Every structure is written in C-alpha cells, then in structure tokens.
Amino acid sequence: KDASGKQKAEVLDDMWVFLTTARSWTQVFHNGVTTPGKRVGHSMTTLYGQQLVDIDTDAKVGDRVLLFGGSYLDRIYSDLWVYDMETNSWTELITDNDATRPPGMQR
C-alpha cells in the first residue's frame, strides 16, 4: 500500500486463457526467453481458426495472438508481437518501414 493507504498495482508479465467449456482461467507458460515484457494499455487480438499463411513461405500456419503497443513505467511501446499457440512462443514482428508504424499509446 502507498502512503494514502491505497493498494498499489503491480504490472505482471503473464498470460492467461479462459477455457469456455470449463468456464475457468488457466495460466499459459510460454517456451523460450523472448517475450513482449511487462506492459499495460496494450491491444491484443486472436487469429483463431482462420486460414493464415506465412508471407515468406506460403505455408499455412496455426492460431496466433497479436499484441501491439502499450506502456511500462515511462516507456511507450509501438511494437508488434505474435504468440504462436502451436509452438507456445512469442516473436517480435519487425516491419519494413517503421515510419508508418502507428503510435502504441497516446497520453
């Protein structure tokens, strides 16, 4: 708690999934050391059950979660990450032209 007695919020670096059939939450533990890191105010969406194709290999790929932007402490992120549900890993997507990247957050 802070000096005023309010509960302090802690920013975590975790991910949870809601299992609709079981109606319960379960924590996802990823493989590897590369992660987007702690952040708040980010956007996430799933690409689930869609016909996704790798632009480099034309191979069909599995389900994904995209994460964009956010902030932590005094840093504002404009990065884009993809979580691969099949490999259980995060990868940062680097764009060809960072000048066209939208702001990750506005204050």
PDB file of N, CA and C in Angstrom:
ATOM      1  N   LYS A   1       0.841  -1.187   0.000  1.00  0.00           N
ATOM      2  CA  LYS A   1       0.000   0.000   0.000  1.00  0.00           C
ATOM      3  C   LYS A   1       0.878   1.239   0.000  1.00  0.00           C
ATOM      4  N   ASP A   2       0.352   2.302  -0.613  1.00  0.00           N
ATOM      5  CA  ASP A   2       1.112   3.546  -0.625  1.00  0.00           C
ATOM      6  C   ASP A   2       0.810   4.352   0.639  1.00  0.00           C
ATOM      7  N   ALA A   3       1.347   5.564   0.719  1.00  0.00           N
ATOM      8  CA  ALA A   3       1.208   6.389   1.921  1.00  0.00           C
ATOM      9  C   ALA A   3      -0.244   6.742   2.224  1.00  0.00           C
ATOM     10  N   SER A   4      -1.102   6.785   1.188  1.00  0.00           N
ATOM     11  CA  SER A   4      -2.504   7.130   1.412  1.00  0.00           C
ATOM     12  C   SER A   4      -3.344   5.914   1.799  1.00  0.00           C
ATOM     13  N   GLY A   5      -2.725   4.731   1.802  1.00  0.00           N
ATOM     14  CA  GLY A   5      -3.450   3.517   2.159  1.00  0.00           C
ATOM     15  C   GLY A   5      -4.050   2.779   0.983  1.00  0.00           C
ATOM     16  N   LYS A   6      -3.861   3.338  -0.230  1.00  0.00           N
ATOM     17  CA  LYS A   6      -4.392   2.674  -1.424  1.00  0.00           C
ATOM     18  C   LYS A   6      -3.498   1.492  -1.810  1.00  0.00           C
ATOM     19  N   GLN A   7      -4.129   0.465  -2.336  1.00  0.00           N
ATOM     20  CA  GLN A   7      -3.394  -0.702  -2.800  1.00  0.00           C
ATOM     21  C   GLN A   7      -2.616  -0.348  -4.066  1.00  0.00           C
ATOM     22  N   LYS A   8      -1.319  -0.657  -4.098  1.00  0.00           N
ATOM     23  CA  LYS A   8      -0.511  -0.409  -5.281  1.00  0.00           C
ATOM     24  C   LYS A   8      -0.758  -1.513  -6.295  1.00  0.00           C
ATOM     25  N   ALA A   9      -0.804  -1.134  -7.550  1.00  0.00           N
ATOM     26  CA  ALA A   9      -0.967  -2.113  -8.632  1.00  0.00           C
ATOM     27  C   ALA A   9       0.409  -2.595  -9.057  1.00  0.00           C
ATOM     28  N   GLU A  10       0.516  -3.867  -9.343  1.00  0.00           N
ATOM     29  CA  GLU A  10       1.753  -4.442  -9.838  1.00  0.00           C
ATOM     30  C   GLU A  10       1.529  -4.893 -11.281  1.00  0.00           C
ATOM     31  N   VAL A  11       2.441  -4.516 -12.169  1.00  0.00           N
ATOM     32  CA  VAL A  11       2.356  -4.927 -13.562  1.00  0.00           C
ATOM     33  C   VAL A  11       3.054  -6.275 -13.693  1.00  0.00           C
ATOM     34  N   LEU A  12       2.340  -7.246 -14.251  1.00  0.00           N
ATOM     35  CA  LEU A  12       2.870  -8.592 -14.375  1.00  0.00           C
ATOM     36  C   LEU A  12       3.242  -8.910 -15.820  1.00  0.00           C
ATOM     37  N   ASP A  13       4.027  -9.941 -15.990  1.00  0.00           N
ATOM     38  CA  ASP A  13       4.443 -10.416 -17.310  1.00  0.00           C
ATOM     39  C   ASP A  13       3.889 -11.832 -17.492  1.00  0.00           C
ATOM     40  N   ASP A  14       2.566 -11.953 -17.437  1.00  0.00           N
ATOM     41  CA  ASP A  14       1.946 -13.274 -17.532  1.00  0.00           C
ATOM     42  C   ASP A  14       0.828 -13.258 -18.556  1.00  0.00           C
ATOM     43  N   MET A  15       0.365 -14.436 -18.931  1.00  0.00           N
ATOM     44  CA  MET A  15      -0.724 -14.542 -19.893  1.00  0.00           C
ATOM     45  C   MET A  15      -1.665 -15.647 -19.418  1.00  0.00           C
ATOM     46  N   TRP A  16      -2.960 -15.372 -19.556  1.00  0.00           N
ATOM     47  CA  TRP A  16      -3.997 -16.303 -19.122  1.00  0.00           C
ATOM     48  C   TRP A  16      -4.970 -16.544 -20.259  1.00  0.00           C
ATOM     49  N   VAL A  17      -5.565 -17.709 -20.286  1.00  0.00           N
ATOM     50  CA  VAL A  17      -6.572 -18.033 -21.290  1.00  0.00           C
ATOM     51  C   VAL A  17      -7.819 -18.523 -20.563  1.00  0.00           C
ATOM     52  N   PHE A  18      -8.978 -18.112 -21.080  1.00  0.00           N
ATOM     53  CA  PHE A  18     -10.240 -18.550 -20.498  1.00  0.00           C
ATOM     54  C   PHE A  18     -10.738 -19.751 -21.288  1.00  0.00           C
ATOM     55  N   LEU A  19     -10.933 -20.872 -20.618  1.00  0.00           N
ATOM     56  CA  LEU A  19     -11.430 -22.094 -21.235  1.00  0.00           C
ATOM     57  C   LEU A  19     -12.945 -22.072 -21.150  1.00  0.00           C
ATOM     58  N   THR A  20     -13.589 -21.843 -22.288  1.00  0.00           N
ATOM     59  CA  THR A  20     -15.038 -21.647 -22.281  1.00  0.00           C
ATOM     60  C   THR A  20     -15.801 -22.902 -21.854  1.00  0.00           C
ATOM     61  N   THR A  21     -15.316 -24.072 -22.239  1.00  0.00           N
ATOM     62  CA  THR A  21     -16.044 -25.295 -21.865  1.00  0.00           C
ATOM     63  C   THR A  21     -15.948 -25.567 -20.374  1.00  0.00           C
ATOM     64  N   ALA A  22     -14.781 -25.275 -19.780  1.00  0.00           N
ATOM     65  CA  ALA A  22     -14.596 -25.499 -18.341  1.00  0.00           C
ATOM     66  C   ALA A  22     -15.018 -24.287 -17.513  1.00  0.00           C
ATOM     67  N   ARG A  23     -15.220 -23.143 -18.197  1.00  0.00           N
ATOM     68  CA  ARG A  23     -15.553 -21.881 -17.530  1.00  0.00           C
ATOM     69  C   ARG A  23     -14.547 -21.536 -16.434  1.00  0.00           C
ATOM     70  N   SER A  24     -13.276 -21.635 -16.823  1.00  0.00           N
ATOM     71  CA  SER A  24     -12.211 -21.332 -15.863  1.00  0.00           C
ATOM     72  C   SER A  24     -11.001 -20.749 -16.585  1.00  0.00           C
ATOM     73  N   TRP A  25     -10.189 -20.041 -15.815  1.00  0.00           N
ATOM     74  CA  TRP A  25      -8.962 -19.443 -16.321  1.00  0.00           C
ATOM     75  C   TRP A  25      -7.794 -20.382 -16.060  1.00  0.00           C
ATOM     76  N   THR A  26      -6.839 -20.404 -16.996  1.00  0.00           N
ATOM     77  CA  THR A  26      -5.596 -21.155 -16.794  1.00  0.00           C
ATOM     78  C   THR A  26      -4.431 -20.314 -17.307  1.00  0.00           C
ATOM     79  N   GLN A  27      -3.325 -20.350 -16.573  1.00  0.00           N
ATOM     80  CA  GLN A  27      -2.161 -19.564 -16.966  1.00  0.00           C
ATOM     81  C   GLN A  27      -1.390 -20.291 -18.056  1.00  0.00           C
ATOM     82  N   VAL A  28      -0.897 -19.510 -19.036  1.00  0.00           N
ATOM     83  CA  VAL A  28      -0.103 -20.048 -20.138  1.00  0.00           C
ATOM     84  C   VAL A  28       1.363 -19.777 -19.826  1.00  0.00           C
ATOM     85  N   PHE A  29       2.164 -20.833 -19.835  1.00  0.00           N
ATOM     86  CA  PHE A  29       3.604 -20.702 -19.637  1.00  0.00           C
ATOM     87  C   PHE A  29       4.273 -20.930 -20.979  1.00  0.00           C
ATOM     88  N   HIS A  30       4.906 -19.898 -21.524  1.00  0.00           N
ATOM     89  CA  HIS A  30       5.491 -19.971 -22.860  1.00  0.00           C
ATOM     90  C   HIS A  30       6.856 -20.639 -22.833  1.00  0.00           C
ATOM     91  N   ASN A  31       7.269 -21.129 -23.994  1.00  0.00           N
ATOM     92  CA  ASN A  31       8.616 -21.669 -24.182  1.00  0.00           C
ATOM     93  C   ASN A  31       9.535 -20.524 -24.584  1.00  0.00           C
ATOM     94  N   GLY A  32      10.776 -20.596 -24.203  1.00  0.00           N
ATOM     95  CA  GLY A  32      11.742 -19.591 -24.639  1.00  0.00           C
ATOM     96  C   GLY A  32      11.857 -18.415 -23.694  1.00  0.00           C
ATOM     97  N   VAL A  33      12.753 -17.524 -24.041  1.00  0.00           N
ATOM     98  CA  VAL A  33      13.031 -16.362 -23.199  1.00  0.00           C
ATOM     99  C   VAL A  33      12.568 -15.054 -23.826  1.00  0.00           C
ATOM    100  N   THR A  34      12.193 -15.082 -25.104  1.00  0.00           N
ATOM    101  CA  THR A  34      11.762 -13.869 -25.790  1.00  0.00           C
ATOM    102  C   THR A  34      10.291 -13.621 -25.520  1.00  0.00           C
ATOM    103  N   THR A  35       9.990 -12.471 -24.911  1.00  0.00           N
ATOM    104  CA  THR A  35       8.612 -12.102 -24.616  1.00  0.00           C
ATOM    105  C   THR A  35       8.433 -10.604 -24.843  1.00  0.00           C
ATOM    106  N   PRO A  36       7.200 -10.160 -24.975  1.00  0.00           N
ATOM    107  CA  PRO A  36       6.961  -8.717 -25.091  1.00  0.00           C
ATOM    108  C   PRO A  36       7.324  -7.955 -23.816  1.00  0.00           C
ATOM    109  N   GLY A  37       7.351  -8.613 -22.697  1.00  0.00           N
ATOM    110  CA  GLY A  37       7.672  -7.949 -21.441  1.00  0.00           C
ATOM    111  C   GLY A  37       6.457  -7.319 -20.783  1.00  0.00           C
ATOM    112  N   LYS A  38       6.672  -6.818 -19.580  1.00  0.00           N
ATOM    113  CA  LYS A  38       5.599  -6.192 -18.805  1.00  0.00           C
ATOM    114  C   LYS A  38       5.082  -4.967 -19.531  1.00  0.00           C
ATOM    115  N   ARG A  39       3.746  -4.786 -19.485  1.00  0.00           N
ATOM    116  CA  ARG A  39       3.150  -3.595 -20.084  1.00  0.00           C
ATOM    117  C   ARG A  39       1.685  -3.490 -19.708  1.00  0.00           C
ATOM    118  N   VAL A  40       1.156  -2.300 -19.855  1.00  0.00           N
ATOM    119  CA  VAL A  40      -0.271  -2.036 -19.672  1.00  0.00           C
ATOM    120  C   VAL A  40      -0.738  -1.228 -20.869  1.00  0.00           C
ATOM    121  N   GLY A  41      -2.049  -1.174 -21.075  1.00  0.00           N
ATOM    122  CA  GLY A  41      -2.613  -0.344 -22.123  1.00  0.00           C
ATOM    123  C   GLY A  41      -2.362  -0.847 -23.529  1.00  0.00           C
ATOM    124  N   HIS A  42      -2.009  -2.099 -23.674  1.00  0.00           N
ATOM    125  CA  HIS A  42      -1.745  -2.669 -24.995  1.00  0.00           C
ATOM    126  C   HIS A  42      -3.036  -3.181 -25.628  1.00  0.00           C
ATOM    127  N   SER A  43      -2.948  -3.554 -26.889  1.00  0.00           N
ATOM    128  CA  SER A  43      -4.073  -4.161 -27.608  1.00  0.00           C
ATOM    129  C   SER A  43      -3.701  -5.589 -27.960  1.00  0.00           C
ATOM    130  N   MET A  44      -4.664  -6.496 -27.833  1.00  0.00           N
ATOM    131  CA  MET A  44      -4.443  -7.884 -28.215  1.00  0.00           C
ATOM    132  C   MET A  44      -5.665  -8.383 -28.979  1.00  0.00           C
ATOM    133  N   THR A  45      -5.415  -9.292 -29.909  1.00  0.00           N
ATOM    134  CA  THR A  45      -6.494  -9.946 -30.625  1.00  0.00           C
ATOM    135  C   THR A  45      -6.046 -11.348 -31.014  1.00  0.00           C
ATOM    136  N   THR A  46      -7.002 -12.215 -31.214  1.00  0.00           N
ATOM    137  CA  THR A  46      -6.673 -13.572 -31.635  1.00  0.00           C
ATOM    138  C   THR A  46      -6.960 -13.748 -33.115  1.00  0.00           C
ATOM    139  N   LEU A  47      -6.162 -14.564 -33.731  1.00  0.00           N
ATOM    140  CA  LEU A  47      -6.383 -15.018 -35.096  1.00  0.00           C
ATOM    141  C   LEU A  47      -6.581 -16.516 -34.971  1.00  0.00           C
ATOM    142  N   TYR A  48      -7.789 -16.894 -34.630  1.00  0.00           N
ATOM    143  CA  TYR A  48      -8.097 -18.275 -34.281  1.00  0.00           C
ATOM    144  C   TYR A  48      -9.004 -18.889 -35.337  1.00  0.00           C
ATOM    145  N   GLY A  49      -8.598 -20.043 -35.853  1.00  0.00           N
ATOM    146  CA  GLY A  49      -9.423 -20.757 -36.804  1.00  0.00           C
ATOM    147  C   GLY A  49      -9.494 -20.114 -38.177  1.00  0.00           C
ATOM    148  N   GLN A  50      -8.606 -19.163 -38.441  1.00  0.00           N
ATOM    149  CA  GLN A  50      -8.575 -18.525 -39.749  1.00  0.00           C
ATOM    150  C   GLN A  50      -7.510 -19.194 -40.609  1.00  0.00           C
ATOM    151  N   GLN A  51      -7.627 -19.065 -41.900  1.00  0.00           N
ATOM    152  CA  GLN A  51      -6.639 -19.620 -42.815  1.00  0.00           C
ATOM    153  C   GLN A  51      -5.478 -18.633 -42.924  1.00  0.00           C
ATOM    154  N   LEU A  52      -4.527 -18.747 -42.023  1.00  0.00           N
ATOM    155  CA  LEU A  52      -3.371 -17.854 -42.014  1.00  0.00           C
ATOM    156  C   LEU A  52      -2.261 -18.464 -42.849  1.00  0.00           C
ATOM    157  N   VAL A  53      -1.548 -17.618 -43.602  1.00  0.00           N
ATOM    158  CA  VAL A  53      -0.466 -18.093 -44.451  1.00  0.00           C
ATOM    159  C   VAL A  53       0.772 -17.265 -44.162  1.00  0.00           C
ATOM    160  N   ASP A  54       1.921 -17.938 -43.988  1.00  0.00           N
ATOM    161  CA  ASP A  54       3.192 -17.267 -43.777  1.00  0.00           C
ATOM    162  C   ASP A  54       3.568 -16.539 -45.062  1.00  0.00           C
ATOM    163  N   ILE A  55       3.836 -15.232 -44.985  1.00  0.00           N
ATOM    164  CA  ILE A  55       4.106 -14.455 -46.194  1.00  0.00           C
ATOM    165  C   ILE A  55       5.450 -14.807 -46.825  1.00  0.00           C
ATOM    166  N   ASP A  56       6.355 -15.391 -46.063  1.00  0.00           N
ATOM    167  CA  ASP A  56       7.662 -15.757 -46.604  1.00  0.00           C
ATOM    168  C   ASP A  56       7.654 -17.136 -47.263  1.00  0.00           C
ATOM    169  N   THR A  57       6.879 -18.081 -46.711  1.00  0.00           N
ATOM    170  CA  THR A  57       6.926 -19.461 -47.196  1.00  0.00           C
ATOM    171  C   THR A  57       5.636 -19.936 -47.846  1.00  0.00           C
ATOM    172  N   ASP A  58       4.573 -19.162 -47.750  1.00  0.00           N
ATOM    173  CA  ASP A  58       3.241 -19.548 -48.232  1.00  0.00           C
ATOM    174  C   ASP A  58       2.682 -20.774 -47.516  1.00  0.00           C
ATOM    175  N   ALA A  59       3.301 -21.172 -46.423  1.00  0.00           N
ATOM    176  CA  ALA A  59       2.814 -22.319 -45.655  1.00  0.00           C
ATOM    177  C   ALA A  59       1.675 -21.881 -44.745  1.00  0.00           C
ATOM    178  N   LYS A  60       0.690 -22.754 -44.576  1.00  0.00           N
ATOM    179  CA  LYS A  60      -0.389 -22.453 -43.630  1.00  0.00           C
ATOM    180  C   LYS A  60       0.184 -22.511 -42.223  1.00  0.00           C
ATOM    181  N   VAL A  61      -0.259 -21.588 -41.397  1.00  0.00           N
ATOM    182  CA  VAL A  61       0.219 -21.525 -40.015  1.00  0.00           C
ATOM    183  C   VAL A  61      -0.969 -21.666 -39.075  1.00  0.00           C
ATOM    184  N   GLY A  62      -0.676 -21.991 -37.837  1.00  0.00           N
ATOM    185  CA  GLY A  62      -1.728 -22.216 -36.850  1.00  0.00           C
ATOM    186  C   GLY A  62      -2.264 -20.938 -36.244  1.00  0.00           C
ATOM    187  N   ASP A  63      -2.971 -21.111 -35.153  1.00  0.00           N
ATOM    188  CA  ASP A  63      -3.622 -19.993 -34.470  1.00  0.00           C
ATOM    189  C   ASP A  63      -2.597 -19.088 -33.798  1.00  0.00           C
ATOM    190  N   ARG A  64      -2.917 -17.798 -33.783  1.00  0.00           N
ATOM    191  CA  ARG A  64      -1.991 -16.791 -33.261  1.00  0.00           C
ATOM    192  C   ARG A  64      -2.724 -15.784 -32.379  1.00  0.00           C
ATOM    193  N   VAL A  65      -1.937 -15.112 -31.543  1.00  0.00           N
ATOM    194  CA  VAL A  65      -2.395 -13.955 -30.772  1.00  0.00           C
ATOM    195  C   VAL A  65      -1.467 -12.809 -31.144  1.00  0.00           C
ATOM    196  N   LEU A  66      -2.044 -11.659 -31.478  1.00  0.00           N
ATOM    197  CA  LEU A  66      -1.245 -10.471 -31.781  1.00  0.00           C
ATOM    198  C   LEU A  66      -1.320  -9.500 -30.612  1.00  0.00           C
ATOM    199  N   LEU A  67      -0.181  -8.912 -30.271  1.00  0.00           N
ATOM    200  CA  LEU A  67      -0.095  -7.911 -29.213  1.00  0.00           C
ATOM    201  C   LEU A  67       0.574  -6.679 -29.800  1.00  0.00           C
ATOM    202  N   PHE A  68      -0.030  -5.509 -29.564  1.00  0.00           N
ATOM    203  CA  PHE A  68       0.536  -4.265 -30.068  1.00  0.00           C
ATOM    204  C   PHE A  68       0.576  -3.200 -28.987  1.00  0.00           C
ATOM    205  N   GLY A  69       1.726  -2.517 -28.915  1.00  0.00           N
ATOM    206  CA  GLY A  69       1.859  -1.311 -28.110  1.00  0.00           C
ATOM    207  C   GLY A  69       1.762  -1.485 -26.617  1.00  0.00           C
ATOM    208  N   GLY A  70       1.362  -0.395 -25.970  1.00  0.00           N
ATOM    209  CA  GLY A  70       1.257  -0.359 -24.523  1.00  0.00           C
ATOM    210  C   GLY A  70       2.352   0.493 -23.896  1.00  0.00           C
ATOM    211  N   SER A  71       2.461   0.393 -22.589  1.00  0.00           N
ATOM    212  CA  SER A  71       3.499   1.153 -21.887  1.00  0.00           C
ATOM    213  C   SER A  71       3.891   0.438 -20.605  1.00  0.00           C
ATOM    214  N   TYR A  72       5.060   0.789 -20.118  1.00  0.00           N
ATOM    215  CA  TYR A  72       5.521   0.327 -18.806  1.00  0.00           C
ATOM    216  C   TYR A  72       6.443   1.399 -18.252  1.00  0.00           C
ATOM    217  N   LEU A  73       6.139   1.835 -17.030  1.00  0.00           N
ATOM    218  CA  LEU A  73       6.843   2.946 -16.402  1.00  0.00           C
ATOM    219  C   LEU A  73       6.791   4.144 -17.349  1.00  0.00           C
ATOM    220  N   ASP A  74       7.931   4.696 -17.761  1.00  0.00           N
ATOM    221  CA  ASP A  74       7.926   5.871 -18.637  1.00  0.00           C
ATOM    222  C   ASP A  74       8.131   5.522 -20.108  1.00  0.00           C
ATOM    223  N   ARG A  75       8.099   4.242 -20.453  1.00  0.00           N
ATOM    224  CA  ARG A  75       8.344   3.820 -21.834  1.00  0.00           C
ATOM    225  C   ARG A  75       7.024   3.499 -22.539  1.00  0.00           C
ATOM    226  N   ILE A  76       6.853   4.041 -23.740  1.00  0.00           N
ATOM    227  CA  ILE A  76       5.688   3.740 -24.573  1.00  0.00           C
ATOM    228  C   ILE A  76       6.157   2.852 -25.728  1.00  0.00           C
ATOM    229  N   TYR A  77       5.496   1.720 -25.884  1.00  0.00           N
ATOM    230  CA  TYR A  77       5.862   0.761 -26.930  1.00  0.00           C
ATOM    231  C   TYR A  77       4.978   0.935 -28.160  1.00  0.00           C
ATOM    232  N   SER A  78       5.574   0.756 -29.331  1.00  0.00           N
ATOM    233  CA  SER A  78       4.845   0.694 -30.597  1.00  0.00           C
ATOM    234  C   SER A  78       5.240  -0.587 -31.326  1.00  0.00           C
ATOM    235  N   ASP A  79       5.533  -1.624 -30.551  1.00  0.00           N
ATOM    236  CA  ASP A  79       5.994  -2.874 -31.140  1.00  0.00           C
ATOM    237  C   ASP A  79       4.837  -3.835 -31.388  1.00  0.00           C
ATOM    238  N   LEU A  80       5.059  -4.805 -32.248  1.00  0.00           N
ATOM    239  CA  LEU A  80       4.049  -5.792 -32.608  1.00  0.00           C
ATOM    240  C   LEU A  80       4.643  -7.180 -32.373  1.00  0.00           C
ATOM    241  N   TRP A  81       3.929  -7.989 -31.587  1.00  0.00           N
ATOM    242  CA  TRP A  81       4.373  -9.338 -31.244  1.00  0.00           C
ATOM    243  C   TRP A  81       3.309 -10.348 -31.654  1.00  0.00           C
ATOM    244  N   VAL A  82       3.749 -11.562 -31.974  1.00  0.00           N
ATOM    245  CA  VAL A  82       2.829 -12.645 -32.286  1.00  0.00           C
ATOM    246  C   VAL A  82       3.147 -13.824 -31.367  1.00  0.00           C
ATOM    247  N   TYR A  83       2.084 -14.373 -30.787  1.00  0.00           N
ATOM    248  CA  TYR A  83       2.214 -15.575 -29.958  1.00  0.00           C
ATOM    249  C   TYR A  83       1.683 -16.745 -30.771  1.00  0.00           C
ATOM    250  N   ASP A  84       2.518 -17.744 -30.966  1.00  0.00           N
ATOM    251  CA  ASP A  84       2.166 -18.937 -31.732  1.00  0.00           C
ATOM    252  C   ASP A  84       1.654 -19.995 -30.761  1.00  0.00           C
ATOM    253  N   MET A  85       0.381 -20.355 -30.885  1.00  0.00           N
ATOM    254  CA  MET A  85      -0.221 -21.318 -29.968  1.00  0.00           C
ATOM    255  C   MET A  85       0.312 -22.734 -30.170  1.00  0.00           C
ATOM    256  N   GLU A  86       0.802 -23.040 -31.370  1.00  0.00           N
ATOM    257  CA  GLU A  86       1.339 -24.375 -31.615  1.00  0.00           C
ATOM    258  C   GLU A  86       2.723 -24.550 -31.007  1.00  0.00           C
ATOM    259  N   THR A  87       3.581 -23.541 -31.156  1.00  0.00           N
ATOM    260  CA  THR A  87       4.943 -23.641 -30.628  1.00  0.00           C
ATOM    261  C   THR A  87       5.060 -23.062 -29.223  1.00  0.00           C
ATOM    262  N   ASN A  88       3.988 -22.392 -28.761  1.00  0.00           N
ATOM    263  CA  ASN A  88       3.975 -21.808 -27.421  1.00  0.00           C
ATOM    264  C   ASN A  88       5.105 -20.798 -27.249  1.00  0.00           C
ATOM    265  N   SER A  89       5.262 -19.907 -28.247  1.00  0.00           N
ATOM    266  CA  SER A  89       6.373 -18.963 -28.198  1.00  0.00           C
ATOM    267  C   SER A  89       5.972 -17.603 -28.774  1.00  0.00           C
ATOM    268  N   TRP A  90       6.685 -16.563 -28.333  1.00  0.00           N
ATOM    269  CA  TRP A  90       6.497 -15.192 -28.797  1.00  0.00           C
ATOM    270  C   TRP A  90       7.570 -14.836 -29.815  1.00  0.00           C
ATOM    271  N   THR A  91       7.199 -14.026 -30.818  1.00  0.00           N
ATOM    272  CA  THR A  91       8.150 -13.487 -31.796  1.00  0.00           C
ATOM    273  C   THR A  91       7.780 -12.041 -32.066  1.00  0.00           C
ATOM    274  N   GLU A  92       8.775 -11.159 -32.067  1.00  0.00           N
ATOM    275  CA  GLU A  92       8.501  -9.769 -32.427  1.00  0.00           C
ATOM    276  C   GLU A  92       8.484  -9.651 -33.943  1.00  0.00           C
ATOM    277  N   LEU A  93       7.461  -8.984 -34.481  1.00  0.00           N
ATOM    278  CA  LEU A  93       7.360  -8.759 -35.914  1.00  0.00           C
ATOM    279  C   LEU A  93       7.956  -7.395 -36.227  1.00  0.00           C
ATOM    280  N   ILE A  94       8.949  -7.390 -37.082  1.00  0.00           N
ATOM    281  CA  ILE A  94       9.613  -6.153 -37.478  1.00  0.00           C
ATOM    282  C   ILE A  94       9.049  -5.743 -38.833  1.00  0.00           C
ATOM    283  N   THR A  95       8.597  -4.509 -38.939  1.00  0.00           N
ATOM    284  CA  THR A  95       8.029  -4.035 -40.199  1.00  0.00           C
ATOM    285  C   THR A  95       9.132  -3.482 -41.092  1.00  0.00           C
ATOM    286  N   ASP A  96       8.838  -3.388 -42.379  1.00  0.00           N
ATOM    287  CA  ASP A  96       9.804  -2.867 -43.339  1.00  0.00           C
ATOM    288  C   ASP A  96      10.012  -1.370 -43.180  1.00  0.00           C
ATOM    289  N   ASN A  97       8.977  -0.658 -42.732  1.00  0.00           N
ATOM    290  CA  ASN A  97       9.060   0.793 -42.652  1.00  0.00           C
ATOM    291  C   ASN A  97       8.513   1.250 -41.304  1.00  0.00           C
ATOM    292  N   ASP A  98       9.410   1.493 -40.351  1.00  0.00           N
ATOM    293  CA  ASP A  98       8.967   1.915 -39.025  1.00  0.00           C
ATOM    294  C   ASP A  98       8.317   3.295 -39.029  1.00  0.00           C
ATOM    295  N   ALA A  99       8.530   4.083 -40.084  1.00  0.00           N
ATOM    296  CA  ALA A  99       7.932   5.425 -40.154  1.00  0.00           C
ATOM    297  C   ALA A  99       6.411   5.341 -40.275  1.00  0.00           C
ATOM    298  N   THR A 100       5.884   4.215 -40.766  1.00  0.00           N
ATOM    299  CA  THR A 100       4.438   4.083 -40.919  1.00  0.00           C
ATOM    300  C   THR A 100       3.790   3.424 -39.711  1.00  0.00           C
ATOM    301  N   ARG A 101       4.586   3.074 -38.714  1.00  0.00           N
ATOM    302  CA  ARG A 101       4.065   2.401 -37.517  1.00  0.00           C
ATOM    303  C   ARG A 101       3.199   3.357 -36.717  1.00  0.00           C
ATOM    304  N   PRO A 102       1.987   2.938 -36.347  1.00  0.00           N
ATOM    305  CA  PRO A 102       1.127   3.821 -35.542  1.00  0.00           C
ATOM    306  C   PRO A 102       1.660   3.935 -34.113  1.00  0.00           C
ATOM    307  N   PRO A 103       1.252   4.985 -33.410  1.00  0.00           N
ATOM    308  CA  PRO A 103       1.689   5.115 -32.016  1.00  0.00           C
ATOM    309  C   PRO A 103       1.087   3.997 -31.170  1.00  0.00           C
ATOM    310  N   GLY A 104       1.870   3.465 -30.245  1.00  0.00           N
ATOM    311  CA  GLY A 104       1.408   2.380 -29.404  1.00  0.00           C
ATOM    312  C   GLY A 104       0.459   2.823 -28.316  1.00  0.00           C
ATOM    313  N   MET A 105       0.485   4.117 -28.002  1.00  0.00           N
ATOM    314  CA  MET A 105      -0.366   4.637 -26.922  1.00  0.00           C
ATOM    315  C   MET A 105      -0.304   6.149 -26.979  1.00  0.00           C
ATOM    316  N   GLN A 106      -1.378   6.793 -26.609  1.00  0.00           N
ATOM    317  CA  GLN A 106      -1.372   8.245 -26.551  1.00  0.00           C
ATOM    318  C   GLN A 106      -1.754   8.677 -25.157  1.00  0.00           C
ATOM    319  N   ARG A 107      -1.143   9.702 -24.689  1.00  0.00           N
ATOM    320  CA  ARG A 107      -1.430  10.214 -23.343  1.00  0.00           C
ATOM    321  C   ARG A 107      -2.167  11.521 -23.440  1.00  0.00           C
TER     322      ARG A 107
END
